[in-house]
Structure formats: C-alpha cells, structure tokens
Amino acid sequence: MLFKDFTQHSSGLYLRHTEENEWLGKSGMTEEQLLKEFGSQPVCPKCERPAWRDKGWKKEKRAQCNHCGWAGIASVTVKEYMENKMYKG
C-alpha cells in the first residue's frame, strides 16, 4: 500500500511503516485521512504502529498492539505522534 503525496516527506516514511499494521489496510490514504480516521488511536512505543485501545483505556490509557504484541500504558496518540514528528528516521 502506498500513501499518496507523502512518499517524498519524512512523514511518508512513518506512513509507510504503519501500513504493515493489518487493521490499517486502506490503500492510498493521505496523511490527513490517516489522522482523521486513526488520529485518536494510541501509538505502540515498541514498534511505532497504531495500537488498539484496551480495557482500562479511559482510566489508565491502556493499549495493545496487534502487530508486535506489546501491551501497556500508551503515552501518545497517532495525531500527537505525527504533529510532533516523534517518528524515527
């Protein structure tokens, strides 16, 4: 899956990285579409992909990653991650 218009930007590297997440499998998403649909989802601190909100999300910000299996307390959402350019690379 390729994300339109962002392959030349540093955020494009992060967008391509997220495409390995099975439940994010929408081809041709722009950065704006990603943020609109998944911006409030937590980011896995282990593999940097969007994670699922888990039981205890409202109180403790608990999340679980379906890609690498990480489970714990998430400190940042996809929107914050992209806006603050926290991605590696």
N, C-alpha and C. Protein backbone atom coordinates (compact mmCIF):
# COMPACT_ATOMS: atom_id res chain seq x y z
N MET A 1 0.84 -1.17 0.00
CA MET A 1 0.00 0.00 0.00
C MET A 1 0.89 1.24 0.00
N LEU A 2 0.60 2.20 -0.84
CA LEU A 2 1.33 3.46 -0.87
C LEU A 2 0.41 4.59 -0.47
N PHE A 3 0.94 5.53 0.26
CA PHE A 3 0.18 6.69 0.67
C PHE A 3 0.44 7.81 -0.32
N LYS A 4 -0.59 8.41 -0.87
CA LYS A 4 -0.45 9.44 -1.88
C LYS A 4 0.18 10.70 -1.30
N ASP A 5 1.03 11.33 -2.10
CA ASP A 5 1.59 12.65 -1.85
C ASP A 5 2.58 12.74 -0.69
N PHE A 6 2.89 11.67 0.01
CA PHE A 6 3.76 11.79 1.16
C PHE A 6 5.01 10.93 1.06
N THR A 7 5.28 10.34 -0.11
CA THR A 7 6.45 9.48 -0.24
C THR A 7 7.75 10.26 -0.24
N GLN A 8 7.70 11.56 -0.50
CA GLN A 8 8.91 12.38 -0.53
C GLN A 8 9.19 13.07 0.80
N HIS A 9 8.26 13.02 1.72
CA HIS A 9 8.40 13.70 3.01
C HIS A 9 8.84 12.72 4.09
N SER A 10 9.44 13.23 5.17
CA SER A 10 9.86 12.36 6.26
C SER A 10 8.67 11.67 6.91
N SER A 11 7.52 12.33 6.93
CA SER A 11 6.33 11.68 7.48
C SER A 11 5.90 10.52 6.60
N GLY A 12 6.28 10.56 5.33
CA GLY A 12 5.97 9.47 4.42
C GLY A 12 6.61 8.17 4.86
N LEU A 13 7.79 8.26 5.44
CA LEU A 13 8.44 7.05 5.95
C LEU A 13 7.64 6.44 7.08
N TYR A 14 7.12 7.29 7.96
CA TYR A 14 6.28 6.78 9.05
C TYR A 14 4.98 6.21 8.51
N LEU A 15 4.37 6.88 7.54
CA LEU A 15 3.13 6.39 6.96
C LEU A 15 3.32 5.02 6.32
N ARG A 16 4.43 4.83 5.61
CA ARG A 16 4.70 3.53 5.01
C ARG A 16 4.96 2.48 6.08
N HIS A 17 5.56 2.90 7.19
CA HIS A 17 5.81 1.98 8.30
C HIS A 17 4.49 1.49 8.90
N THR A 18 3.51 2.37 9.00
CA THR A 18 2.23 1.99 9.60
C THR A 18 1.44 1.04 8.71
N GLU A 19 1.73 1.03 7.43
CA GLU A 19 0.95 0.19 6.52
C GLU A 19 1.14 -1.30 6.78
N GLU A 20 2.13 -1.67 7.54
CA GLU A 20 2.32 -3.07 7.89
C GLU A 20 1.33 -3.54 8.95
N ASN A 21 0.59 -2.61 9.52
CA ASN A 21 -0.42 -2.95 10.51
C ASN A 21 -1.67 -3.45 9.78
N GLU A 22 -2.08 -4.68 10.04
CA GLU A 22 -3.16 -5.33 9.30
C GLU A 22 -4.47 -4.55 9.32
N TRP A 23 -4.88 -4.01 10.45
CA TRP A 23 -6.18 -3.35 10.53
C TRP A 23 -6.18 -1.96 9.94
N LEU A 24 -5.02 -1.47 9.53
CA LEU A 24 -4.93 -0.16 8.92
C LEU A 24 -4.96 -0.26 7.40
N GLY A 25 -5.25 -1.41 6.87
CA GLY A 25 -5.09 -1.71 5.46
C GLY A 25 -5.96 -0.96 4.47
N LYS A 26 -5.89 0.34 4.45
CA LYS A 26 -6.63 1.13 3.47
C LYS A 26 -5.61 1.76 2.53
N SER A 27 -5.57 1.32 1.30
CA SER A 27 -4.57 1.82 0.37
C SER A 27 -4.88 3.24 -0.08
N GLY A 28 -3.83 3.98 -0.37
CA GLY A 28 -3.98 5.31 -0.91
C GLY A 28 -4.37 6.38 0.09
N MET A 29 -4.24 6.13 1.39
CA MET A 29 -4.60 7.14 2.38
C MET A 29 -3.57 8.27 2.39
N THR A 30 -4.06 9.49 2.52
CA THR A 30 -3.17 10.63 2.70
C THR A 30 -2.94 10.80 4.20
N GLU A 31 -2.04 11.68 4.54
CA GLU A 31 -1.77 11.94 5.96
C GLU A 31 -3.02 12.47 6.65
N GLU A 32 -3.77 13.34 5.97
CA GLU A 32 -4.99 13.90 6.55
C GLU A 32 -6.03 12.80 6.82
N GLN A 33 -6.17 11.86 5.88
CA GLN A 33 -7.12 10.76 6.07
C GLN A 33 -6.70 9.87 7.22
N LEU A 34 -5.40 9.60 7.33
CA LEU A 34 -4.89 8.79 8.43
C LEU A 34 -5.20 9.45 9.77
N LEU A 35 -4.94 10.75 9.86
CA LEU A 35 -5.19 11.47 11.11
C LEU A 35 -6.68 11.54 11.44
N LYS A 36 -7.51 11.69 10.42
CA LYS A 36 -8.95 11.76 10.65
C LYS A 36 -9.50 10.43 11.18
N GLU A 37 -9.07 9.33 10.59
CA GLU A 37 -9.60 8.02 10.97
C GLU A 37 -8.90 7.40 12.17
N PHE A 38 -7.61 7.63 12.32
CA PHE A 38 -6.85 6.94 13.36
C PHE A 38 -6.08 7.87 14.29
N GLY A 39 -6.30 9.17 14.18
CA GLY A 39 -5.56 10.14 14.97
C GLY A 39 -5.70 9.99 16.48
N SER A 40 -6.84 9.49 16.93
CA SER A 40 -7.05 9.35 18.37
C SER A 40 -6.58 7.99 18.91
N GLN A 41 -6.11 7.12 18.02
CA GLN A 41 -5.61 5.82 18.46
C GLN A 41 -4.24 5.98 19.11
N PRO A 42 -3.92 5.14 20.08
CA PRO A 42 -2.60 5.20 20.71
C PRO A 42 -1.52 4.68 19.77
N VAL A 43 -0.27 5.06 20.03
CA VAL A 43 0.87 4.56 19.28
C VAL A 43 1.63 3.57 20.14
N CYS A 44 2.00 2.44 19.56
CA CYS A 44 2.79 1.43 20.26
C CYS A 44 4.21 1.96 20.43
N PRO A 45 4.73 2.02 21.66
CA PRO A 45 6.08 2.53 21.86
C PRO A 45 7.16 1.56 21.39
N LYS A 46 6.79 0.31 21.19
CA LYS A 46 7.76 -0.70 20.78
C LYS A 46 8.00 -0.69 19.26
N CYS A 47 6.91 -0.69 18.48
CA CYS A 47 7.07 -0.78 17.02
C CYS A 47 6.57 0.46 16.27
N GLU A 48 6.06 1.44 16.99
CA GLU A 48 5.61 2.73 16.45
C GLU A 48 4.40 2.64 15.51
N ARG A 49 3.61 1.60 15.62
CA ARG A 49 2.42 1.48 14.79
C ARG A 49 1.18 1.82 15.63
N PRO A 50 0.09 2.19 14.98
CA PRO A 50 -1.14 2.42 15.75
C PRO A 50 -1.55 1.16 16.51
N ALA A 51 -2.00 1.34 17.73
CA ALA A 51 -2.39 0.23 18.59
C ALA A 51 -3.88 0.31 18.90
N TRP A 52 -4.41 -0.77 19.45
CA TRP A 52 -5.81 -0.82 19.88
C TRP A 52 -5.93 -0.24 21.28
N ARG A 53 -7.02 0.44 21.55
CA ARG A 53 -7.34 0.81 22.92
C ARG A 53 -7.76 -0.45 23.63
N ASP A 54 -7.26 -0.65 24.83
CA ASP A 54 -7.54 -1.86 25.58
C ASP A 54 -8.43 -1.55 26.78
N LYS A 55 -8.87 -2.59 27.45
CA LYS A 55 -9.66 -2.42 28.66
C LYS A 55 -8.85 -1.59 29.65
N GLY A 56 -9.42 -0.51 30.12
CA GLY A 56 -8.71 0.41 31.00
C GLY A 56 -8.20 1.64 30.28
N TRP A 57 -8.61 1.85 29.02
CA TRP A 57 -8.15 3.00 28.25
C TRP A 57 -8.56 4.32 28.89
N LYS A 58 -9.79 4.44 29.30
CA LYS A 58 -10.28 5.71 29.84
C LYS A 58 -9.56 6.13 31.12
N LYS A 59 -9.28 5.17 32.00
CA LYS A 59 -8.64 5.50 33.27
C LYS A 59 -7.12 5.56 33.17
N GLU A 60 -6.53 4.57 32.53
CA GLU A 60 -5.07 4.43 32.56
C GLU A 60 -4.39 4.52 31.21
N LYS A 61 -5.14 4.76 30.14
CA LYS A 61 -4.59 4.82 28.78
C LYS A 61 -3.92 3.50 28.38
N ARG A 62 -4.58 2.38 28.74
CA ARG A 62 -4.06 1.06 28.38
C ARG A 62 -4.33 0.76 26.92
N ALA A 63 -3.34 0.15 26.26
CA ALA A 63 -3.46 -0.18 24.85
C ALA A 63 -2.74 -1.49 24.57
N GLN A 64 -3.03 -2.05 23.39
CA GLN A 64 -2.37 -3.29 22.98
C GLN A 64 -2.11 -3.21 21.48
N CYS A 65 -0.93 -3.66 21.06
CA CYS A 65 -0.54 -3.63 19.66
C CYS A 65 -0.80 -4.99 19.03
N ASN A 66 -1.56 -5.00 17.95
CA ASN A 66 -1.84 -6.26 17.28
C ASN A 66 -0.68 -6.69 16.37
N HIS A 67 0.28 -5.81 16.15
CA HIS A 67 1.41 -6.15 15.28
C HIS A 67 2.54 -6.85 16.04
N CYS A 68 2.97 -6.26 17.16
CA CYS A 68 4.12 -6.83 17.88
C CYS A 68 3.74 -7.48 19.21
N GLY A 69 2.50 -7.27 19.67
CA GLY A 69 2.06 -7.91 20.90
C GLY A 69 2.26 -7.08 22.16
N TRP A 70 2.84 -5.89 22.03
CA TRP A 70 3.04 -5.03 23.20
C TRP A 70 1.70 -4.73 23.85
N ALA A 71 1.70 -4.65 25.18
CA ALA A 71 0.53 -4.24 25.94
C ALA A 71 1.01 -3.40 27.11
N GLY A 72 0.34 -2.28 27.35
CA GLY A 72 0.74 -1.43 28.45
C GLY A 72 0.07 -0.08 28.37
N ILE A 73 0.68 0.90 28.98
CA ILE A 73 0.13 2.25 29.03
C ILE A 73 0.72 3.06 27.88
N ALA A 74 -0.16 3.60 27.05
CA ALA A 74 0.26 4.41 25.91
C ALA A 74 0.38 5.87 26.35
N SER A 75 1.39 6.53 25.84
CA SER A 75 1.61 7.91 26.25
C SER A 75 1.29 8.93 25.17
N VAL A 76 1.02 8.47 23.95
CA VAL A 76 0.80 9.40 22.85
C VAL A 76 -0.16 8.80 21.82
N THR A 77 -0.92 9.68 21.14
CA THR A 77 -1.83 9.23 20.08
C THR A 77 -1.14 9.40 18.73
N VAL A 78 -1.73 8.82 17.70
CA VAL A 78 -1.18 8.93 16.35
C VAL A 78 -1.10 10.40 15.93
N LYS A 79 -2.12 11.20 16.24
CA LYS A 79 -2.13 12.62 15.90
C LYS A 79 -0.96 13.36 16.55
N GLU A 80 -0.76 13.16 17.84
CA GLU A 80 0.35 13.80 18.55
C GLU A 80 1.70 13.33 17.99
N TYR A 81 1.77 12.05 17.66
CA TYR A 81 2.99 11.45 17.14
C TYR A 81 3.38 12.08 15.81
N MET A 82 2.38 12.28 14.94
CA MET A 82 2.65 12.88 13.63
C MET A 82 2.92 14.38 13.74
N GLU A 83 2.11 15.08 14.52
CA GLU A 83 2.28 16.53 14.63
C GLU A 83 3.61 16.92 15.26
N ASN A 84 4.08 16.14 16.22
CA ASN A 84 5.34 16.43 16.90
C ASN A 84 6.54 15.74 16.26
N LYS A 85 6.31 15.07 15.13
CA LYS A 85 7.35 14.37 14.39
C LYS A 85 8.23 13.50 15.28
N MET A 86 7.55 12.65 16.06
CA MET A 86 8.23 11.78 17.01
C MET A 86 8.73 10.50 16.37
N TYR A 87 8.36 10.25 15.12
CA TYR A 87 8.75 9.02 14.45
C TYR A 87 10.25 9.01 14.19
N LYS A 88 10.80 7.80 14.17
CA LYS A 88 12.23 7.64 13.90
C LYS A 88 12.49 7.76 12.40
N GLY A 89 13.68 8.15 12.05
CA GLY A 89 14.06 8.18 10.64
C GLY A 89 14.00 9.52 10.14
